[in-house]
Structure formats: structure tokens, C-alpha cells
Protein backbone atom coordinates (compact mmCIF):
# COMPACT_ATOMS: atom_id res chain seq x y z
CA MET A 1 43.05 8.26 -35.43
CA THR A 2 44.59 10.94 -33.30
CA GLN A 3 44.88 14.04 -31.20
CA ASP A 4 42.55 13.86 -28.25
CA PRO A 5 42.79 16.81 -25.84
CA ARG A 6 44.47 14.61 -23.24
CA LEU A 7 47.28 13.97 -25.74
CA LEU A 8 48.14 17.63 -25.72
CA LYS A 9 49.79 17.02 -22.36
CA MET A 10 52.50 15.01 -24.07
CA ALA A 11 56.03 16.19 -24.14
CA ASP A 12 56.60 18.33 -27.23
CA GLY A 13 59.32 20.61 -25.99
CA GLY A 14 57.02 23.57 -25.87
CA GLY A 15 57.88 24.55 -22.35
CA THR A 16 54.87 23.09 -20.54
CA ALA A 17 54.94 20.47 -17.82
CA VAL A 18 53.76 17.29 -19.46
CA ALA A 19 53.12 13.64 -18.74
CA ASP A 20 55.36 11.01 -20.23
CA GLN A 21 53.09 8.00 -19.58
CA THR A 22 51.04 6.57 -22.38
CA ASP A 23 47.53 7.79 -21.52
CA VAL A 24 44.27 6.81 -23.16
CA GLY A 25 43.67 8.88 -26.27
CA SER A 26 44.69 8.93 -29.94
CA TYR A 27 48.19 9.95 -30.94
CA PHE A 28 48.74 9.22 -34.63
CA VAL A 29 47.64 12.01 -37.02
CA ALA A 30 46.02 10.27 -40.00
CA ASN A 31 44.08 13.13 -41.50
CA TYR A 32 43.04 16.74 -41.19
CA PRO A 33 40.74 18.34 -40.19
CA PRO A 34 39.94 16.02 -37.25
CA PHE A 35 37.40 13.31 -37.88
CA SER A 36 35.18 14.79 -35.15
CA VAL A 37 34.18 17.63 -37.48
CA TRP A 38 32.85 15.21 -40.17
CA THR A 39 29.01 15.06 -40.16
CA PRO A 40 26.16 12.90 -41.47
CA GLU A 41 24.61 16.00 -43.05
CA ALA A 42 27.62 16.41 -45.35
CA VAL A 43 26.90 13.07 -47.03
CA ALA A 44 23.98 14.53 -48.99
CA ALA A 45 25.38 18.05 -49.11
CA ASP A 46 28.92 17.25 -50.19
CA ALA A 47 29.83 13.58 -50.68
CA LEU A 48 27.15 12.46 -53.06
CA PRO A 49 27.41 15.61 -55.26
CA ALA A 50 31.21 15.09 -55.35
CA LEU A 51 30.74 11.56 -56.66
CA GLN A 52 28.46 12.96 -59.36
CA ARG A 53 31.13 15.31 -60.74
CA PRO A 54 33.86 14.33 -63.18
CA PRO A 55 37.27 13.95 -61.55
CA ALA A 56 39.87 16.67 -61.47
CA ALA A 57 42.48 16.25 -64.17
CA GLY A 58 45.66 14.43 -63.18
CA VAL A 59 44.48 13.19 -59.74
CA PRO A 60 45.35 9.49 -59.18
CA LEU A 61 42.67 7.07 -57.98
CA GLY A 62 43.18 4.33 -55.42
CA LEU A 63 41.00 1.58 -53.99
CA TYR A 64 40.97 0.58 -50.31
CA LEU A 65 39.30 -2.64 -49.18
CA HIS A 66 38.59 -3.22 -45.52
CA ILE A 67 38.64 -6.95 -44.63
CA PRO A 68 37.35 -6.86 -41.05
CA PHE A 69 38.01 -10.43 -39.96
CA CYS A 70 40.60 -11.62 -37.43
CA ARG A 71 41.37 -14.86 -35.57
CA LYS A 72 41.68 -12.76 -32.35
CA ARG A 73 41.23 -9.14 -31.43
CA CYS A 74 44.53 -7.64 -30.26
CA HIS A 75 44.35 -5.78 -26.97
CA PHE A 76 45.63 -2.59 -28.63
CA CYS A 77 43.36 -2.81 -31.73
CA TYR A 78 40.94 0.08 -32.41
CA PHE A 79 39.69 -0.94 -35.87
CA ARG A 80 36.28 -2.32 -36.77
CA VAL A 81 37.02 -6.07 -36.72
CA TYR A 82 35.07 -9.24 -36.13
CA THR A 83 36.32 -12.49 -34.61
CA ASP A 84 32.97 -14.35 -34.54
CA LYS A 85 31.97 -14.62 -38.19
CA ASN A 86 31.55 -17.96 -39.91
CA SER A 87 32.25 -18.83 -43.56
CA SER A 88 28.67 -17.87 -44.58
CA ASP A 89 29.09 -14.46 -42.98
CA VAL A 90 32.42 -13.92 -44.74
CA ALA A 91 30.91 -14.93 -48.08
CA GLN A 92 28.03 -12.44 -47.55
CA TYR A 93 30.46 -9.64 -46.70
CA LEU A 94 32.62 -10.26 -49.77
CA ASP A 95 29.55 -10.22 -51.97
CA VAL A 96 28.49 -6.88 -50.45
CA LEU A 97 32.01 -5.52 -50.94
CA ALA A 98 31.98 -6.41 -54.64
CA ARG A 99 28.57 -4.89 -55.12
CA GLU A 100 29.69 -1.71 -53.35
CA TRP A 101 32.53 -1.41 -55.86
CA GLU A 102 30.04 -1.84 -58.73
CA GLN A 103 28.04 1.07 -57.33
CA TYR A 104 31.15 3.24 -56.96
CA ALA A 105 32.42 2.40 -60.48
CA ALA A 106 29.11 3.73 -61.90
CA GLN A 107 29.64 7.18 -60.38
CA PRO A 108 30.90 9.92 -62.75
CA ALA A 109 33.83 10.63 -60.36
CA ILE A 110 35.04 7.03 -60.65
CA ALA A 111 33.75 5.62 -63.95
CA GLY A 112 36.47 4.64 -66.41
CA ARG A 113 39.43 5.77 -64.28
CA PRO A 114 42.42 3.49 -63.98
CA LEU A 115 43.52 2.44 -60.49
CA ASN A 116 46.89 3.74 -59.45
CA PHE A 117 47.04 1.74 -56.24
CA VAL A 118 45.02 -0.90 -54.32
CA TYR A 119 45.30 -1.59 -50.61
CA PHE A 120 43.88 -4.65 -48.75
CA GLY A 121 43.68 -3.60 -45.10
CA GLY A 122 41.98 -4.91 -42.03
CA GLY A 123 41.39 -6.65 -39.89
CA THR A 124 43.29 -9.41 -41.55
CA PRO A 125 43.00 -9.77 -45.31
CA SER A 126 45.01 -13.03 -45.10
CA PHE A 127 42.20 -14.42 -42.91
CA LEU A 128 40.38 -15.16 -46.18
CA SER A 129 40.74 -18.57 -47.80
CA THR A 130 42.38 -18.91 -51.18
CA GLN A 131 38.99 -19.57 -52.76
CA GLN A 132 37.49 -16.48 -51.12
CA LEU A 133 40.44 -14.32 -52.22
CA GLU A 134 40.32 -15.48 -55.80
CA GLY A 135 36.57 -15.01 -55.99
CA LEU A 136 36.70 -11.46 -54.55
CA VAL A 137 39.52 -10.34 -56.88
CA THR A 138 37.77 -11.87 -59.91
CA ARG A 139 34.68 -9.84 -59.19
CA LEU A 140 36.51 -6.62 -58.35
CA THR A 141 38.73 -6.73 -61.41
CA ALA A 142 35.81 -7.55 -63.68
CA THR A 143 34.48 -4.13 -62.69
CA THR A 144 37.82 -2.28 -62.89
CA SER A 145 41.15 -3.81 -63.84
CA TRP A 146 44.16 -3.01 -61.68
CA ALA A 147 46.71 -4.55 -64.06
CA SER A 148 48.36 -1.16 -64.50
CA ALA A 149 48.37 -0.21 -60.82
CA GLU A 150 51.74 0.88 -59.49
CA GLU A 151 51.19 -0.88 -56.17
CA VAL A 152 48.89 -3.52 -54.70
CA THR A 153 49.42 -3.91 -50.93
CA PHE A 154 48.19 -6.82 -48.90
CA GLU A 155 48.30 -6.92 -45.06
CA CYS A 156 48.97 -10.32 -43.46
CA GLU A 157 48.99 -11.97 -40.08
CA PRO A 158 51.78 -14.57 -40.24
CA GLY A 159 49.77 -17.34 -38.65
CA THR A 160 47.13 -17.23 -41.45
CA LEU A 161 49.64 -17.84 -44.24
CA SER A 162 50.51 -21.08 -45.97
CA GLU A 163 52.75 -21.56 -48.98
CA SER A 164 49.70 -22.16 -51.22
CA LYS A 165 47.86 -19.05 -49.96
CA LEU A 166 50.93 -16.90 -50.47
CA GLY A 167 51.15 -18.27 -53.97
CA VAL A 168 47.59 -17.18 -54.70
CA ILE A 169 48.24 -13.75 -53.21
CA ARG A 170 51.30 -13.34 -55.48
CA ARG A 171 49.33 -14.45 -58.56
CA LEU A 172 46.59 -11.96 -57.75
CA GLY A 173 49.06 -9.15 -58.47
CA VAL A 174 50.12 -8.11 -54.98
CA THR A 175 53.35 -6.09 -55.20
CA ARG A 176 53.80 -5.29 -51.48
CA LEU A 177 53.25 -7.90 -48.80
CA SER A 178 53.07 -6.36 -45.33
CA LEU A 179 53.69 -8.87 -42.54
CA GLY A 180 52.20 -7.78 -39.17
CA VAL A 181 54.98 -9.22 -37.06
CA GLU A 182 54.82 -6.53 -34.28
CA ASN A 183 57.17 -8.57 -32.00
CA PHE A 184 59.22 -11.76 -32.16
CA ASP A 185 58.71 -12.85 -28.54
CA ASP A 186 55.91 -15.33 -27.85
CA ARG A 187 55.27 -13.96 -24.34
CA VAL A 188 54.86 -10.39 -25.64
CA LEU A 189 52.61 -11.57 -28.48
CA GLU A 190 50.42 -13.48 -25.97
CA LEU A 191 50.18 -10.55 -23.56
CA ASN A 192 49.01 -8.26 -26.34
CA GLY A 193 46.47 -10.68 -27.72
CA ARG A 194 48.18 -11.45 -31.00
CA ALA A 195 47.10 -14.67 -32.67
CA HIS A 196 50.42 -15.66 -34.25
CA ARG A 197 53.66 -16.92 -32.64
CA SER A 198 57.33 -16.56 -33.57
CA GLY A 199 57.63 -19.86 -35.45
CA GLU A 200 54.88 -18.79 -37.82
CA ILE A 201 56.75 -15.54 -38.59
CA ASP A 202 59.85 -17.39 -39.81
CA ARG A 203 57.83 -19.87 -41.86
CA ALA A 204 55.63 -17.21 -43.50
CA TYR A 205 58.61 -15.04 -44.29
CA ARG A 206 60.58 -17.89 -45.90
CA PHE A 207 57.52 -18.80 -48.05
CA ALA A 208 56.98 -15.18 -49.11
CA ARG A 209 60.60 -14.61 -50.00
CA SER A 210 60.66 -17.71 -52.18
CA LEU A 211 57.76 -16.34 -54.25
CA ASP A 212 59.71 -13.19 -55.28
CA PHE A 213 57.29 -10.47 -54.09
CA PRO A 214 58.64 -7.11 -55.27
CA GLN A 215 58.41 -5.79 -51.73
CA ILE A 216 58.10 -7.48 -48.36
CA ASN A 217 57.45 -5.17 -45.42
CA ILE A 218 57.75 -6.09 -41.74
CA ASP A 219 55.67 -4.19 -39.19
CA LEU A 220 56.92 -3.71 -35.62
CA ILE A 221 55.34 -1.90 -32.66
CA ALA A 222 57.55 -0.23 -30.03
CA GLY A 223 56.26 -0.29 -26.45
CA MET A 224 53.84 -3.24 -26.38
CA LEU A 225 52.74 -4.77 -23.09
CA GLY A 226 55.62 -6.66 -21.56
CA GLU A 227 58.29 -5.30 -23.88
CA THR A 228 61.76 -4.85 -22.35
CA GLU A 229 65.04 -3.28 -23.44
CA ASP A 230 66.47 -6.72 -24.28
CA ASN A 231 63.38 -7.86 -26.09
CA TRP A 232 63.33 -4.74 -28.26
CA LYS A 233 67.00 -5.16 -29.18
CA VAL A 234 66.40 -8.76 -30.18
CA CYS A 235 63.34 -7.76 -32.29
CA VAL A 236 65.41 -5.24 -34.25
CA GLU A 237 68.26 -7.78 -34.71
CA LYS A 238 65.85 -10.45 -35.99
CA THR A 239 64.24 -8.00 -38.36
CA ILE A 240 67.60 -7.01 -39.86
CA ALA A 241 68.60 -10.67 -40.14
CA LEU A 242 65.48 -11.39 -42.24
CA ASP A 243 66.57 -8.58 -44.61
CA PRO A 244 63.09 -7.29 -45.60
CA ASP A 245 62.74 -4.68 -48.33
CA SER A 246 61.20 -2.25 -45.83
CA VAL A 247 60.37 -1.97 -42.17
CA THR A 248 57.54 -0.05 -40.52
CA ILE A 249 57.74 0.83 -36.83
CA TYR A 250 54.91 2.39 -34.88
CA GLN A 251 54.88 3.62 -31.27
CA MET A 252 52.16 1.96 -29.27
CA GLU A 253 49.15 4.23 -28.63
CA LEU A 254 45.91 3.66 -26.73
CA PRO A 255 42.88 5.06 -28.49
CA PHE A 256 39.66 4.95 -26.45
CA ASN A 257 38.14 1.74 -27.84
CA THR A 258 40.98 -0.69 -27.25
CA THR A 259 40.78 -3.42 -24.59
CA ILE A 260 43.74 -1.94 -22.78
CA SER A 261 42.18 1.56 -22.78
CA LYS A 262 38.86 0.23 -21.42
CA ASP A 263 40.79 -1.55 -18.66
CA LEU A 264 42.65 1.65 -17.71
CA ILE A 265 39.50 3.76 -17.74
CA LYS A 266 37.58 1.28 -15.55
CA GLY A 267 40.57 0.54 -13.34
CA THR A 268 39.95 -3.23 -13.49
CA GLN A 269 43.70 -3.92 -13.71
CA GLN A 270 43.35 -6.78 -16.16
CA PHE A 271 46.81 -6.01 -17.57
CA ALA A 272 49.70 -6.08 -15.12
CA ASP A 273 52.35 -5.00 -17.63
CA PRO A 274 52.34 -1.30 -18.54
CA VAL A 275 52.69 0.21 -22.00
CA ALA A 276 56.08 1.84 -22.23
CA ALA A 277 56.43 5.59 -21.71
CA TRP A 278 56.64 7.86 -24.69
CA SER A 279 60.29 8.80 -24.05
CA THR A 280 61.14 5.07 -23.95
CA LYS A 281 59.24 4.36 -27.20
CA ARG A 282 60.98 7.25 -28.96
CA ARG A 283 64.37 6.00 -27.81
CA TRP A 284 63.62 2.48 -28.94
CA VAL A 285 62.57 3.68 -32.41
CA ALA A 286 65.68 5.89 -32.56
CA GLU A 287 67.86 2.86 -31.70
CA ALA A 288 66.04 0.76 -34.31
CA PHE A 289 66.56 3.45 -36.96
CA GLU A 290 70.25 3.71 -36.14
CA ALA A 291 70.69 -0.09 -36.36
CA LEU A 292 68.76 -0.19 -39.62
CA GLU A 293 70.92 2.62 -41.05
CA ARG A 294 74.08 0.66 -40.07
CA ALA A 295 72.61 -2.32 -41.99
CA GLY A 296 72.16 -0.18 -45.13
CA TYR A 297 68.57 1.00 -44.76
CA HIS A 298 67.41 4.57 -45.39
CA ILE A 299 64.88 6.28 -43.10
CA GLY A 300 61.95 7.36 -45.30
CA SER A 301 59.50 8.74 -42.74
CA ALA A 302 58.73 8.85 -39.00
CA TYR A 303 57.76 5.16 -39.32
CA THR A 304 59.60 3.60 -42.23
CA ALA A 305 62.99 2.37 -43.33
CA VAL A 306 63.72 1.01 -46.82
CA LYS A 307 66.64 -1.00 -48.14
CA ASN A 308 66.65 0.47 -51.65
CA PRO A 309 64.84 3.78 -52.05
CA SER A 310 65.28 3.68 -55.84
CA LYS A 311 62.91 0.72 -56.18
CA THR A 312 61.08 0.44 -52.84
CA ARG A 313 58.34 2.99 -52.34
CA PHE A 314 55.06 3.44 -50.46
CA ILE A 315 52.74 4.54 -53.24
CA TYR A 316 49.58 4.27 -51.10
CA ARG A 317 51.04 6.58 -48.47
CA ASP A 318 52.57 9.09 -50.87
CA ARG A 319 49.48 9.43 -53.06
CA LEU A 320 47.15 9.96 -50.13
CA TRP A 321 49.51 12.51 -48.54
CA GLN A 322 49.39 14.41 -51.86
CA GLY A 323 45.58 14.50 -52.01
CA ALA A 324 44.82 11.51 -54.29
CA ASP A 325 41.30 10.20 -54.61
CA MET A 326 40.59 6.88 -52.91
CA ALA A 327 37.36 4.85 -53.03
CA ALA A 328 37.13 3.01 -49.68
CA LEU A 329 35.07 -0.18 -49.55
CA GLY A 330 33.88 -2.03 -46.44
CA VAL A 331 32.41 -1.37 -43.04
CA ALA A 332 33.66 1.86 -41.36
CA SER A 333 36.27 2.52 -44.06
CA PHE A 334 37.51 6.00 -44.90
CA GLY A 335 37.79 7.51 -48.42
CA HIS A 336 38.38 10.74 -50.33
CA VAL A 337 36.88 11.69 -53.68
CA ASN A 338 36.84 15.01 -55.58
CA GLY A 339 37.97 16.97 -52.51
CA VAL A 340 35.53 15.44 -50.05
CA HIS A 341 36.36 13.10 -47.16
CA MET A 342 33.86 10.34 -46.48
CA GLN A 343 33.41 7.40 -44.16
CA ASN A 344 31.20 4.30 -44.48
CA LEU A 345 28.59 3.17 -41.96
CA ASP A 346 30.41 1.55 -39.04
CA THR A 347 28.24 -1.46 -38.18
CA TRP A 348 27.85 -4.74 -40.07
CA GLU A 349 24.08 -4.43 -40.17
CA SER A 350 23.83 -0.84 -41.39
CA TYR A 351 26.62 -1.21 -43.90
CA THR A 352 25.23 -4.36 -45.57
CA ALA A 353 21.67 -3.02 -45.45
CA ALA A 354 22.68 0.11 -47.38
CA VAL A 355 24.44 -1.82 -50.13
CA ASP A 356 21.55 -4.30 -50.33
CA ALA A 357 19.23 -1.37 -50.88
CA GLY A 358 21.39 -0.06 -53.72
CA ARG A 359 22.83 2.90 -51.77
CA LEU A 360 26.37 3.88 -51.17
CA PRO A 361 26.88 3.08 -47.49
CA LEU A 362 28.18 6.52 -46.35
CA SER A 363 27.73 7.68 -42.77
CA ARG A 364 29.56 11.05 -42.55
CA ALA A 365 31.66 13.35 -44.71
CA TYR A 366 33.51 16.61 -44.76
CA ARG A 367 34.39 19.03 -47.55
CA PRO A 368 37.62 20.90 -46.49
CA THR A 369 38.41 24.41 -47.58
CA ASP A 370 41.44 25.08 -49.73
CA GLU A 371 43.29 26.19 -46.59
CA GLU A 372 42.36 22.98 -44.79
CA ARG A 373 43.48 20.94 -47.75
CA LEU A 374 46.83 22.78 -47.70
CA ILE A 375 47.23 22.12 -43.98
CA ARG A 376 46.31 18.40 -44.44
CA GLU A 377 49.04 17.93 -47.05
CA LEU A 378 51.54 19.95 -45.03
CA VAL A 379 51.12 18.07 -41.76
CA LEU A 380 51.03 14.63 -43.42
CA GLN A 381 54.11 15.28 -45.60
CA LEU A 382 56.03 16.59 -42.55
CA LYS A 383 55.98 12.95 -41.43
CA LEU A 384 58.45 12.30 -44.26
CA GLY A 385 60.95 14.44 -42.40
CA THR A 386 61.51 16.80 -45.32
CA ILE A 387 59.12 18.97 -47.34
CA ARG A 388 59.56 21.32 -50.26
CA PRO A 389 57.93 24.73 -49.90
CA ALA A 390 57.83 25.01 -53.67
CA TYR A 391 55.34 22.09 -53.83
CA PHE A 392 52.78 24.08 -51.83
CA GLN A 393 53.51 27.28 -53.70
CA GLU A 394 52.89 25.54 -57.03
CA LYS A 395 49.76 23.66 -55.91
CA TYR A 396 48.09 26.17 -53.60
CA GLY A 397 49.78 29.50 -54.38
CA VAL A 398 50.79 29.83 -50.73
CA ASP A 399 54.23 30.57 -49.27
CA ILE A 400 54.10 28.20 -46.31
CA LEU A 401 57.17 29.74 -44.69
CA THR A 402 55.24 33.00 -44.34
CA ARG A 403 51.81 31.49 -43.66
CA PHE A 404 53.16 29.20 -40.88
CA ARG A 405 56.08 31.38 -39.74
CA ASP A 406 55.26 31.03 -36.03
CA ALA A 407 54.81 27.20 -36.19
CA PHE A 408 58.07 26.73 -38.05
CA ALA A 409 59.90 29.10 -35.74
CA SER A 410 58.70 27.11 -32.75
CA LEU A 411 59.99 23.89 -34.24
CA GLN A 412 63.39 25.41 -34.76
CA ALA A 413 63.46 27.02 -31.31
CA ASP A 414 62.65 23.68 -29.68
CA GLY A 415 65.30 21.80 -31.64
CA TYR A 416 62.93 19.86 -33.89
CA ALA A 417 63.79 21.51 -37.25
CA ALA A 418 67.27 21.09 -38.67
CA GLU A 419 66.62 23.39 -41.64
CA ILE A 420 64.00 25.88 -42.66
CA GLY A 421 64.67 27.38 -46.03
CA ALA A 422 63.21 28.21 -49.41
CA ASP A 423 64.39 24.85 -50.84
CA ARG A 424 63.27 22.59 -48.05
CA VAL A 425 62.22 22.23 -44.45
CA THR A 426 63.87 19.29 -42.64
CA LEU A 427 63.14 17.92 -39.20
CA THR A 428 65.81 16.71 -36.82
CA ARG A 429 65.70 13.03 -35.92
CA ASP A 430 64.22 14.00 -32.54
CA GLY A 431 61.55 15.99 -34.30
CA LEU A 432 60.78 13.11 -36.66
CA LEU A 433 60.38 10.70 -33.76
CA ARG A 434 57.68 12.87 -32.13
CA VAL A 435 56.24 14.42 -35.23
CA ASP A 436 52.60 13.51 -34.46
CA VAL A 437 52.55 15.67 -31.34
CA LEU A 438 54.15 18.54 -33.22
CA LEU A 439 51.63 18.67 -36.08
CA PRO A 440 48.84 20.45 -34.12
CA ARG A 441 51.04 23.58 -34.16
CA PHE A 442 49.86 23.95 -37.81
CA PHE A 443 46.16 23.31 -37.15
CA LEU A 444 43.61 26.14 -37.47
CA PRO A 445 42.49 27.52 -34.05
CA ALA A 446 39.08 25.91 -34.48
CA HIS A 447 40.67 22.47 -34.61
CA ALA A 448 43.22 22.87 -31.79
CA GLY A 449 42.37 20.90 -28.71
CA ILE A 450 39.21 19.30 -29.98
CA ARG A 451 38.57 15.58 -29.90
CA TYR A 452 40.20 13.98 -32.93
CA THR A 453 37.80 11.16 -33.70
């Protein structure tokens, strides 16, 4: 995801005249350097050799599984998903996924390493039947056990959940159930192409809570089509009433390949309701954070609030933002091993053909320099709202306060940094709410203003 040149117009307090409307283009910074600098040539030059090397000492390993099936494609979705696959297609894909993991597990960089975290993402992992889920996990864990993993996350669409399916998910070792609620209003859900409705949210949540999952997370999106002031207030109130262990809130963005984006570019006016302006979305998230804090939650990042920080964590996020290795399985998925970023082939046909031929299905890769690795961890960890300069000094031997003096000074001058000191750098709440548009201030000149994806 993120930072297309058109996004650089957005209000960041830097003194330029900017647009507040939600234009087409990525916003969320998921990685660095930008994906657009990754190349097919780097697969042979960097990715495959990295997989042939033993792992660096002390680096955790995670596993990401892309389950690309959905009942419907949301109008704001930009992931590789399929809504037209039958049970035979799904079975074929799961078989390919398991065989891809067998190939990875034979690589010197992966072989014999314990899994620190596992993440089922999508698409909709809960689209799978209980039989399909049990069969997939049996094959995956026969290759590498995840019994000692600190976290196993499973994304769900509420309408695909039954009490029996949730019971299977719990027995498979899932520790964090992430419910993609997004909104509680049936009209807003319909306008945005969501498959579930409000009644299914309540039913799925009750079932999940009765099964004693260690962490239940609720996802919300601020600024969806048709969202209003009153609707957003009700969504926050209903979320707090459910009392989840954690809440994730994203601000609606419009990358190029969403249905809404294509409509805006073509001018076909399929959607009458606009996406909320950035200033409105920031205010709504600020109001949600304030309400969550009053209810006893703690703000843990630009997007998350947790009820009990001592026991509720986001291991997947924290490990990745600290440079962990992650083998990524499935069509179009993104991974990182031995200092090299890599992405899988992004079509069903090419991905399955590669695995069938006994090849790792990689399409492009990038080996960042030490400086780029430093910047990657710096910009991602800034999303937490507070960073420790000592961490970067110890890991990279770099004084970030000196190296990025101008960028930090600009944050403070614009009111986005509350503290810049040797012990820590802390963003203001206003800075945290717009952190993604502030991060390019830390990019190398070669990566400023280029297309992100």
C-alpha cells in the first residue's frame, strides 16, 4: 500500500496548499522502500540466495497465509481476492498453499526454525469450511508445528461464522480473532459492498466470546461511503458496549484498483455518496480514541486501542516492524526473509503453475541497504506514537536524532511531535492521527514522490 505522488498534496501541516478530499491513491505506509522499486530481477539475484543462507541469530520467524476468497468484493478492497471460485477451486488452492509451505520449510533460511507468529489474512479466511480449515492446518502443522507460537491471528467476516466454525477455529490454536465489522449500520455496509449485516455481527461476537478466545479484535473503518456523524458515534458506542479486547480503526483510503477508485477515474458516478474528507476522518478517529480512553482503553498506535496492554498485544505487527522474517504463502502475498523483501506471483494461474512445477512462486523482490532497513523500522515504529532512539543506536549504530534532525525538527515545528529527546520521541495525538502522510519526511530523496506500489 501507500504513498502515490497525488497523496503528497494531502494536508500535513508543511505550509503548502493541499486538498482535503480523499483522492485516488494509496495512503497507508506498509513498508519501505516503496513497492515500486521491487523488481523481478531481484528474485534470482537476492531472494533465492537469501533463502539458501542460514538465518541470522535471534531473528523471529512468522508465517502469513493469504486466503483470497470472499462472498463479495467490497467496493474499497484492493487485495487479490476471488468471489467466483467453487469448492473444487478452493480445495486446489489449499493444496497448493500446503505444498508451497513444504518448499519453504526445506530452505536453509527456514528449515527447523520455530514459528513465533502465524497470521491468516485475506480475503476472508473464515470463508473456508470447517473441514477445509482442519485439513489445511493439519498439513501445515505436519510440516512445522506452531504450538509454541506467541500469536495465531485469524481474520473473519461476521457473516461466515457459525458457532461450530468458531469452535474449530479456537481448537486450531487461534489466539487473536479479528472481526471485520467495519460499520454497524446495514445501509452503510450495503453501500460499501460488505457481505455481512449488523445482526450477524452480534451473533458472531457472542459465539466468539463464549469460546474464551484470548483476544477478540474489532475492526472499524472511518469515512466509508454513506457514513455520517451520527452513524460514526453509534458505531463507536456499539463497539465499546461489546467490550472487545482491542479495537482497530483505519481511515478509508482509495488505492487505484478499488471499485470506487475506478468509478472516480472514469467519472461514471456509480456511487452517489462521497468518501469523507481526511479532516473529517481524522476527527472521527480522534473522537473514537477519546471515547475508548474514557472506557478504559489505551491507545497503542495510530490505529489500535487495547483494554489491557499487559496481556493484549499485536505480535504480528510488532515483530514485522522490528525486522522479523516472515514466509508469506499464497497468491500475491508479501514476505521478508534474511533481509530481503519478496512478493509472490499475483495471478491464480501463474502462482499455482509455479508451485506445481516445484518452484517458489516469487514475482519480485528487493534487498534494502542497511540505511533503508533503518528507515523502514523508524517509519513503521513511529506509527506506535513513541520510539526509543536507543533502539536504533543499539541495532544500527546510528543516532537517529542527528541523522534525521531536519525531519524531526519539522515535526516539532508543525506541532506533530510532543517530545524529541534522547530517551524517546513522542508524537502528539494530531501527529499520530496523520502519521502516514508524515512518514515520507524520513524517506531517502530517491524514494520521495515516486509511485508507492
